[in-house]
Amino acid sequence: MSAPLNSDQTLAAFRRDTRAWLEANCPAEMRQPIVDEYDVCWGGRRAQFKNDAQRVWLEKMAERGWTVPEWPKQYGGGGLSKDEARVLREEMAALKCRPPLTSFGISMLGPALLKYGNEKQKSEHIPKIVRGEIRWCQGYSEPGAGSDLASLKTRAEDQGDHFLVNGSKIWTSYGDQADWIFCLVRTSFTGKKQEGISFVLFDMESPGVSTRPIRLISGYSPFTQTFFDNVKVPKENLLGELNKGWTIAKYLLTHERNMIGGMGTQRVTPLSQLAIRNLGLTAGRLSEPALRTDIARFEMDALAFALTMNRVTDEAKAGNETGAMSSMLKYYGTELNKRRAELTMSVAGSEGLKFGDAHSEEQLAAMWLRTKANSIEGGTSEIQLNIIAKNVLRLPGA
């Protein structure tokens, strides 16, 4: 009798094969800590790879579907089970392999497409997400609809075979670099404000789409304001049912918050290494006991949070909704990322005050300032705490 799927023996064999494949195919350059934004591969029609190794790593992983290992094989994904995907993550971590592709298509739109998309939409868009061929951005927040997202006013008028979209979105991350946008629009103005919202997809090169950069205090910003002036969107690009986009929006937000929370687990140079490099050791340890304690506490919290994120990821990939748990992860992950930045500045001392190229590892001040936005984007920390109080803790009056 053959061993059952995902038995210990089968997983052990899969682990050996996976480790051997990663060792043979992951370039040495892709096993180094991420230093600047250019180390992150976003893909897209206008992708500019930092080096050939980054391109090769994406191509090799995409060919196996391992950019999204648990997505169905029929759409280009890896088709791995939850346990196999966990083994892949563990082996990549052991070899210090970078993620081959970072994408809002993977972290946000893809799960919504798999759940709510029709077969034509899945076949059209998901393989391109897997291969990193199309870079997506998110059209949610508006100048008058941030935390109160349901108050959005960007409208899509029915023109028979297409919608005519007019309005604007704000805080569109990488809107000037994205190829397509997934966008919330109002298709009805009657009933509750959560009703009459639809979820549409369209090309950012469509006539009538324009973007304007938003400059942040850090001197660098991925954000833009995006404008729609009589943009024609084919009816076939409606995801889910007309006027039922709020359901999809809420589902996607849980994935966005998980993604933002994951910044607390991002793979960068450990604080202990930065401290040793900047301050040196006395008798084999950092001479400042308070700093030693703060770094140790942070690194223990970061490891515990990473383990929690892994468990939640496994649950989500198994088809279990994370619900309000995403608010907990988003809140804690952003606070953790802000703590990392604060400690990094403490370690760097006056050297950390240099300011210039925000992409450089040496420009710690720009990075520190940027983390302040973590508690705003994807839903403010105050909103997340309200959700936790009401839906997790079930506090009276919340």
Protein backbone atom coordinates (compact mmCIF):
# COMPACT_ATOMS: atom_id res chain seq x y z
CA MET A 1 0.00 0.00 0.00
CA SER A 2 1.37 3.44 -0.92
CA ALA A 3 1.95 6.02 1.79
CA PRO A 4 -1.00 8.39 2.31
CA LEU A 5 -0.70 11.89 0.90
CA ASN A 6 1.28 14.14 3.29
CA SER A 7 2.32 11.26 5.51
CA ASP A 8 5.55 11.84 7.42
CA GLN A 9 7.49 9.83 4.84
CA THR A 10 5.96 11.68 1.90
CA LEU A 11 6.59 15.08 3.46
CA ALA A 12 10.15 14.11 4.36
CA ALA A 13 10.78 13.16 0.72
CA PHE A 14 9.14 16.40 -0.45
CA ARG A 15 11.38 18.34 1.95
CA ARG A 16 14.53 16.69 0.62
CA ASP A 17 13.53 17.34 -2.99
CA THR A 18 12.54 20.92 -2.23
CA ARG A 19 15.77 21.68 -0.39
CA ALA A 20 17.81 20.21 -3.24
CA TRP A 21 15.89 22.20 -5.84
CA LEU A 22 16.23 25.46 -3.89
CA GLU A 23 19.94 24.94 -3.35
CA ALA A 24 20.41 24.31 -7.07
CA ASN A 25 18.16 27.11 -8.36
CA CYS A 26 18.15 30.01 -5.90
CA PRO A 27 20.96 32.43 -6.91
CA ALA A 28 23.37 33.46 -4.16
CA GLU A 29 22.28 37.09 -4.59
CA MET A 30 18.73 36.09 -3.70
CA ARG A 31 19.87 34.71 -0.32
CA GLN A 32 21.01 38.07 1.02
CA PRO A 33 18.94 40.28 3.36
CA ILE A 34 16.79 42.87 1.62
CA VAL A 35 18.66 46.18 1.79
CA ASP A 36 16.55 48.58 -0.24
CA GLU A 37 13.28 48.70 -2.17
CA TYR A 38 14.99 47.65 -5.38
CA ASP A 39 15.71 44.28 -3.79
CA VAL A 40 11.96 43.61 -3.88
CA CYS A 41 10.64 42.21 -7.15
CA TRP A 42 7.18 43.53 -8.07
CA GLY A 43 6.99 42.32 -11.66
CA GLY A 44 4.67 43.99 -14.17
CA ARG A 45 4.75 45.05 -17.78
CA ARG A 46 7.42 47.68 -17.02
CA ALA A 47 9.41 45.61 -14.55
CA GLN A 48 13.04 46.64 -14.15
CA PHE A 49 15.07 43.95 -12.44
CA LYS A 50 17.87 45.03 -10.14
CA ASN A 51 20.07 42.29 -11.54
CA ASP A 52 19.85 39.15 -13.63
CA ALA A 53 19.64 36.96 -10.53
CA GLN A 54 16.36 38.62 -9.53
CA ARG A 55 14.87 37.90 -12.95
CA VAL A 56 16.10 34.30 -13.00
CA TRP A 57 14.75 33.62 -9.50
CA LEU A 58 11.29 34.91 -10.46
CA GLU A 59 11.22 32.88 -13.68
CA LYS A 60 12.30 29.64 -12.01
CA MET A 61 9.82 29.96 -9.15
CA ALA A 62 6.96 31.06 -11.42
CA GLU A 63 7.59 28.09 -13.70
CA ARG A 64 6.89 25.77 -10.75
CA GLY A 65 3.98 27.90 -9.54
CA TRP A 66 5.86 28.53 -6.32
CA THR A 67 5.28 32.27 -6.35
CA VAL A 68 1.85 31.17 -5.05
CA PRO A 69 2.43 27.54 -4.05
CA GLU A 70 -1.10 26.78 -2.81
CA TRP A 71 -3.03 28.28 -5.71
CA PRO A 72 -4.59 25.76 -8.13
CA LYS A 73 -2.33 24.32 -10.81
CA GLN A 74 -4.96 24.96 -13.47
CA TYR A 75 -4.24 28.70 -13.11
CA GLY A 76 -0.47 28.35 -12.87
CA GLY A 77 -0.15 27.95 -9.12
CA GLY A 78 1.89 25.30 -7.37
CA GLY A 79 -1.07 23.18 -6.31
CA LEU A 80 0.69 22.28 -3.06
CA SER A 81 -1.14 21.15 0.04
CA LYS A 82 -1.04 23.22 3.22
CA ASP A 83 1.69 20.97 4.67
CA GLU A 84 3.77 21.03 1.50
CA ALA A 85 3.55 24.83 1.31
CA ARG A 86 4.66 25.05 4.93
CA VAL A 87 7.66 22.85 4.14
CA LEU A 88 8.53 25.10 1.19
CA ARG A 89 8.39 28.20 3.41
CA GLU A 90 10.56 26.51 6.03
CA GLU A 91 13.18 25.44 3.51
CA MET A 92 13.24 28.88 1.90
CA ALA A 93 13.73 30.42 5.34
CA ALA A 94 16.51 27.95 6.18
CA LEU A 95 18.38 28.89 2.99
CA LYS A 96 17.49 32.58 3.46
CA CYS A 97 15.79 32.69 0.05
CA ARG A 98 14.01 35.94 -0.72
CA PRO A 99 10.40 35.86 -1.90
CA PRO A 100 10.61 35.74 -5.71
CA LEU A 101 7.67 38.11 -6.17
CA THR A 102 5.84 40.70 -4.10
CA SER A 103 2.47 41.62 -5.50
CA PHE A 104 -0.88 43.10 -4.53
CA GLY A 105 -2.20 40.60 -7.03
CA ILE A 106 -0.92 37.81 -4.80
CA SER A 107 -1.63 39.28 -1.39
CA MET A 108 -5.01 40.89 -2.08
CA LEU A 109 -6.69 40.49 -5.47
CA GLY A 110 -5.81 36.84 -6.11
CA PRO A 111 -7.74 35.39 -3.16
CA ALA A 112 -10.78 37.51 -4.12
CA LEU A 113 -10.55 36.36 -7.75
CA LEU A 114 -10.36 32.72 -6.70
CA LYS A 115 -13.41 33.14 -4.45
CA TYR A 116 -15.64 35.47 -6.47
CA GLY A 117 -14.34 35.45 -10.04
CA ASN A 118 -15.92 33.58 -12.91
CA GLU A 119 -13.92 31.07 -14.92
CA LYS A 120 -13.03 33.54 -17.66
CA GLN A 121 -11.73 36.08 -15.12
CA LYS A 122 -9.67 33.47 -13.28
CA SER A 123 -8.15 32.10 -16.48
CA GLU A 124 -7.38 35.59 -17.76
CA HIS A 125 -5.86 37.23 -14.68
CA ILE A 126 -4.52 34.64 -12.24
CA PRO A 127 -1.79 33.09 -14.46
CA LYS A 128 -0.45 36.62 -15.13
CA ILE A 129 -0.36 37.30 -11.38
CA VAL A 130 1.50 34.03 -10.79
CA ARG A 131 4.13 34.92 -13.40
CA GLY A 132 4.45 38.53 -12.31
CA GLU A 133 3.39 39.82 -15.73
CA ILE A 134 0.81 42.32 -14.46
CA ARG A 135 1.29 44.65 -11.50
CA TRP A 136 -1.92 45.60 -9.69
CA CYS A 137 -2.87 48.54 -7.50
CA GLN A 138 -5.85 49.09 -5.23
CA GLY A 139 -8.55 51.71 -5.76
CA TYR A 140 -10.30 51.94 -2.40
CA SER A 141 -9.77 55.14 -0.35
CA GLU A 142 -11.02 58.50 -1.57
CA PRO A 143 -10.47 62.06 -0.31
CA GLY A 144 -13.83 61.81 1.51
CA ALA A 145 -13.84 58.08 2.19
CA GLY A 146 -10.91 56.75 4.18
CA SER A 147 -11.73 54.83 7.33
CA ASP A 148 -15.38 55.35 6.37
CA LEU A 149 -14.76 53.58 3.08
CA ALA A 150 -18.44 52.87 2.40
CA SER A 151 -18.95 56.61 1.79
CA LEU A 152 -17.04 56.37 -1.50
CA LYS A 153 -18.44 58.42 -4.37
CA THR A 154 -16.48 57.32 -7.46
CA ARG A 155 -19.33 56.30 -9.74
CA ALA A 156 -19.73 53.84 -12.57
CA GLU A 157 -22.66 54.57 -14.87
CA ASP A 158 -24.20 51.77 -16.90
CA GLN A 159 -23.67 52.45 -20.62
CA GLY A 160 -24.98 49.16 -21.97
CA ASP A 161 -21.89 47.11 -22.77
CA HIS A 162 -19.60 49.06 -20.43
CA PHE A 163 -19.45 51.25 -17.33
CA LEU A 164 -18.35 54.88 -17.49
CA VAL A 165 -16.22 55.59 -14.40
CA ASN A 166 -15.69 59.08 -12.95
CA GLY A 167 -14.11 60.11 -9.67
CA SER A 168 -10.82 59.77 -7.86
CA LYS A 169 -8.94 57.57 -5.39
CA ILE A 170 -6.23 58.57 -2.95
CA TRP A 171 -3.29 56.80 -1.32
CA THR A 172 -3.09 54.50 -4.35
CA SER A 173 0.13 52.63 -3.58
CA TYR A 174 2.35 52.48 -6.69
CA GLY A 175 -0.51 53.75 -8.82
CA ASP A 176 2.02 55.30 -11.20
CA GLN A 177 3.75 51.94 -11.69
CA ALA A 178 0.76 49.59 -11.80
CA ASP A 179 -0.64 48.01 -14.96
CA TRP A 180 -4.19 47.28 -13.72
CA ILE A 181 -6.35 48.43 -10.81
CA PHE A 182 -9.01 46.66 -8.75
CA CYS A 183 -11.44 49.38 -7.85
CA LEU A 184 -14.55 50.02 -5.76
CA VAL A 185 -17.17 52.12 -7.55
CA ARG A 186 -20.71 53.19 -6.77
CA THR A 187 -23.26 51.76 -9.18
CA SER A 188 -26.36 52.71 -7.18
CA PHE A 189 -27.12 55.67 -4.92
CA THR A 190 -30.17 54.22 -3.17
CA GLY A 191 -30.34 52.25 0.07
CA LYS A 192 -27.60 51.95 2.72
CA LYS A 193 -24.18 53.30 1.79
CA GLN A 194 -22.69 49.77 1.90
CA GLU A 195 -25.16 48.82 -0.83
CA GLY A 196 -24.77 49.89 -4.42
CA ILE A 197 -20.99 49.39 -4.42
CA SER A 198 -19.44 47.24 -7.16
CA PHE A 199 -15.96 45.80 -7.65
CA VAL A 200 -14.39 46.33 -11.07
CA LEU A 201 -11.03 45.65 -12.75
CA PHE A 202 -9.48 47.77 -15.48
CA ASP A 203 -6.25 48.66 -17.23
CA MET A 204 -4.41 51.74 -15.91
CA GLU A 205 -3.58 52.66 -19.52
CA SER A 206 -7.29 53.12 -20.28
CA PRO A 207 -8.06 56.59 -21.67
CA GLY A 208 -9.09 58.92 -18.85
CA VAL A 209 -6.88 57.40 -16.11
CA SER A 210 -4.19 59.65 -14.62
CA THR A 211 -2.12 59.74 -11.44
CA ARG A 212 -0.44 62.42 -9.34
CA PRO A 213 2.32 61.62 -6.81
CA ILE A 214 1.82 62.35 -3.11
CA ARG A 215 5.01 63.45 -1.36
CA LEU A 216 5.52 62.27 2.23
CA ILE A 217 7.60 63.66 5.09
CA SER A 218 10.19 60.96 4.43
CA GLY A 219 10.97 62.56 1.07
CA TYR A 220 9.82 59.44 -0.71
CA SER A 221 6.37 58.06 -1.32
CA PRO A 222 4.82 55.11 -3.15
CA PHE A 223 1.45 56.88 -2.98
CA THR A 224 -0.48 58.64 -5.70
CA GLN A 225 -3.88 60.20 -6.20
CA THR A 226 -5.63 58.53 -9.11
CA PHE A 227 -8.20 60.26 -11.31
CA PHE A 228 -10.87 58.74 -13.56
CA ASP A 229 -12.38 60.91 -16.30
CA ASN A 230 -14.98 59.02 -18.36
CA VAL A 231 -13.05 55.76 -18.18
CA LYS A 232 -14.73 52.95 -20.12
CA VAL A 233 -14.73 49.65 -18.21
CA PRO A 234 -16.14 46.58 -20.02
CA LYS A 235 -19.00 44.88 -18.19
CA GLU A 236 -17.03 41.62 -18.23
CA ASN A 237 -14.61 43.25 -15.77
CA LEU A 238 -17.21 43.33 -13.01
CA LEU A 239 -16.09 40.95 -10.26
CA GLY A 240 -18.99 39.25 -8.50
CA GLU A 241 -22.51 40.65 -8.62
CA LEU A 242 -23.55 44.19 -9.46
CA ASN A 243 -24.01 46.29 -6.28
CA LYS A 244 -22.52 43.49 -4.12
CA GLY A 245 -18.94 44.72 -4.14
CA TRP A 246 -18.90 45.53 -0.41
CA THR A 247 -18.80 41.82 0.40
CA ILE A 248 -15.74 41.38 -1.81
CA ALA A 249 -14.18 44.57 -0.39
CA LYS A 250 -14.41 43.27 3.18
CA TYR A 251 -12.98 39.90 2.19
CA LEU A 252 -10.06 41.55 0.41
CA LEU A 253 -9.38 43.86 3.36
CA THR A 254 -8.67 40.86 5.61
CA HIS A 255 -5.91 39.83 3.20
CA GLU A 256 -4.58 43.39 2.96
CA ARG A 257 -4.37 43.68 6.73
CA ASN A 258 -2.60 40.33 6.96
CA MET A 259 -0.14 41.62 4.37
CA ILE A 260 0.50 44.89 6.22
CA GLY A 261 0.79 43.04 9.51
CA GLY A 262 3.40 40.86 7.85
CA MET A 263 5.74 43.86 7.77
CA GLY A 264 6.46 42.97 11.38
CA THR A 265 8.07 39.76 10.11
CA GLN A 266 9.93 41.18 7.10
CA ARG A 267 13.38 39.78 6.53
CA VAL A 268 15.91 42.54 7.12
CA THR A 269 19.26 42.72 8.89
CA PRO A 270 18.62 41.63 12.52
CA LEU A 271 18.84 44.40 15.12
CA SER A 272 21.46 42.47 17.04
CA GLN A 273 23.74 42.47 13.98
CA LEU A 274 23.16 46.18 13.40
CA ALA A 275 23.99 46.89 17.04
CA ILE A 276 27.22 44.88 16.87
CA ARG A 277 28.21 46.58 13.64
CA ASN A 278 27.54 50.07 14.98
CA LEU A 279 28.44 49.76 18.66
CA GLY A 280 30.80 46.81 18.88
CA LEU A 281 31.08 44.36 21.77
CA THR A 282 32.58 44.65 25.22
CA ALA A 283 33.48 41.35 26.86
CA GLY A 284 31.42 39.59 24.20
CA ARG A 285 28.23 41.60 24.58
CA LEU A 286 26.72 45.05 24.06
CA SER A 287 27.83 47.35 26.83
CA GLU A 288 24.43 49.06 27.25
CA PRO A 289 22.15 46.74 29.29
CA ALA A 290 18.96 48.67 28.51
CA LEU A 291 19.60 48.41 24.77
CA ARG A 292 20.45 44.71 25.09
CA THR A 293 17.15 44.14 26.85
CA ASP A 294 15.14 46.11 24.29
CA ILE A 295 16.70 44.25 21.36
CA ALA A 296 16.23 40.85 22.99
CA ARG A 297 12.59 41.64 23.81
CA PHE A 298 11.95 42.84 20.26
CA GLU A 299 13.53 39.82 18.61
CA MET A 300 11.58 37.42 20.84
CA ASP A 301 8.33 39.27 20.06
CA ALA A 302 9.15 39.27 16.33
CA LEU A 303 9.80 35.52 16.36
CA ALA A 304 6.55 34.83 18.25
CA PHE A 305 4.63 37.03 15.82
CA ALA A 306 6.21 35.29 12.81
CA LEU A 307 5.06 31.92 14.18
CA THR A 308 1.56 33.33 14.68
CA MET A 309 1.52 34.68 11.13
CA ASN A 310 2.53 31.24 9.85
CA ARG A 311 -0.34 29.59 11.70
CA VAL A 312 -2.87 32.11 10.43
CA THR A 313 -1.51 31.78 6.89
CA ASP A 314 -1.98 28.03 7.09
CA GLU A 315 -5.58 28.55 8.24
CA ALA A 316 -6.29 31.01 5.45
CA LYS A 317 -4.77 28.75 2.80
CA ALA A 318 -6.88 25.88 4.13
CA GLY A 319 -9.97 27.94 3.32
CA ASN A 320 -10.74 29.13 6.84
CA GLU A 321 -11.64 32.81 7.13
CA THR A 322 -9.38 34.87 9.40
CA GLY A 323 -12.08 37.52 9.94
CA ALA A 324 -11.31 39.93 12.78
CA MET A 325 -8.02 38.11 13.39
CA SER A 326 -6.63 40.15 10.48
CA SER A 327 -7.19 43.32 12.54
CA MET A 328 -5.15 41.86 15.40
CA LEU A 329 -2.32 40.93 13.04
CA LYS A 330 -2.43 44.28 11.27
CA TYR A 331 -2.31 46.21 14.55
CA TYR A 332 0.45 44.18 16.18
CA GLY A 333 2.53 43.85 13.01
CA THR A 334 2.56 47.59 12.36
CA GLU A 335 3.44 48.36 15.98
CA LEU A 336 6.25 45.80 15.76
CA ASN A 337 7.58 47.42 12.59
CA LYS A 338 7.53 50.83 14.26
CA ARG A 339 9.43 49.40 17.25
CA ARG A 340 12.05 48.00 14.88
CA ALA A 341 12.53 51.42 13.31
CA GLU A 342 12.77 53.14 16.71
CA LEU A 343 15.39 50.66 17.90
CA THR A 344 17.32 50.93 14.66
CA MET A 345 17.53 54.69 15.13
CA SER A 346 18.67 54.18 18.74
CA VAL A 347 21.41 51.80 17.58
CA ALA A 348 22.56 54.16 14.81
CA GLY A 349 22.74 57.23 17.06
CA SER A 350 23.66 60.47 15.29
CA GLU A 351 24.59 58.49 12.15
CA GLY A 352 20.92 57.61 11.78
CA LEU A 353 20.06 61.27 11.20
CA LYS A 354 21.55 61.29 7.71
CA PHE A 355 18.91 62.08 5.15
CA GLY A 356 18.93 61.70 1.40
CA ASP A 357 18.27 58.71 -0.82
CA ALA A 358 15.34 56.96 0.87
CA HIS A 359 16.22 53.70 -0.90
CA SER A 360 19.58 53.39 0.85
CA GLU A 361 20.05 51.29 3.98
CA GLU A 362 21.99 54.23 5.43
CA GLN A 363 18.96 56.51 5.24
CA LEU A 364 17.42 55.23 8.43
CA ALA A 365 15.61 58.48 9.19
CA ALA A 366 13.52 58.16 6.03
CA MET A 367 12.65 54.56 6.91
CA TRP A 368 11.76 55.56 10.49
CA LEU A 369 9.46 58.32 9.28
CA ARG A 370 7.84 55.99 6.72
CA THR A 371 6.84 53.48 9.41
CA LYS A 372 4.60 56.09 11.02
CA ALA A 373 2.16 55.56 8.15
CA ASN A 374 1.87 51.84 8.97
CA SER A 375 -0.69 52.61 11.66
CA ILE A 376 -2.83 54.53 9.16
CA GLU A 377 -2.74 52.56 5.89
CA GLY A 378 -5.05 49.59 5.51
CA GLY A 379 -7.29 50.90 8.31
CA THR A 380 -6.07 53.04 11.21
CA SER A 381 -4.93 51.42 14.44
CA GLU A 382 -7.91 53.00 16.21
CA ILE A 383 -10.31 51.33 13.79
CA GLN A 384 -8.53 47.99 14.23
CA LEU A 385 -8.78 48.25 18.02
CA ASN A 386 -12.51 48.96 17.71
CA ILE A 387 -12.94 45.87 15.51
CA ILE A 388 -10.99 43.75 17.99
CA ALA A 389 -13.03 45.07 20.91
CA LYS A 390 -16.33 44.39 19.17
CA ASN A 391 -15.72 41.20 17.20
CA VAL A 392 -12.99 39.41 19.14
CA LEU A 393 -13.29 40.48 22.77
CA ARG A 394 -17.08 41.09 22.53
CA LEU A 395 -16.77 44.01 24.91
CA PRO A 396 -20.09 45.57 25.95
CA GLY A 397 -20.82 48.86 24.23
CA ALA A 398 -18.01 48.39 21.70
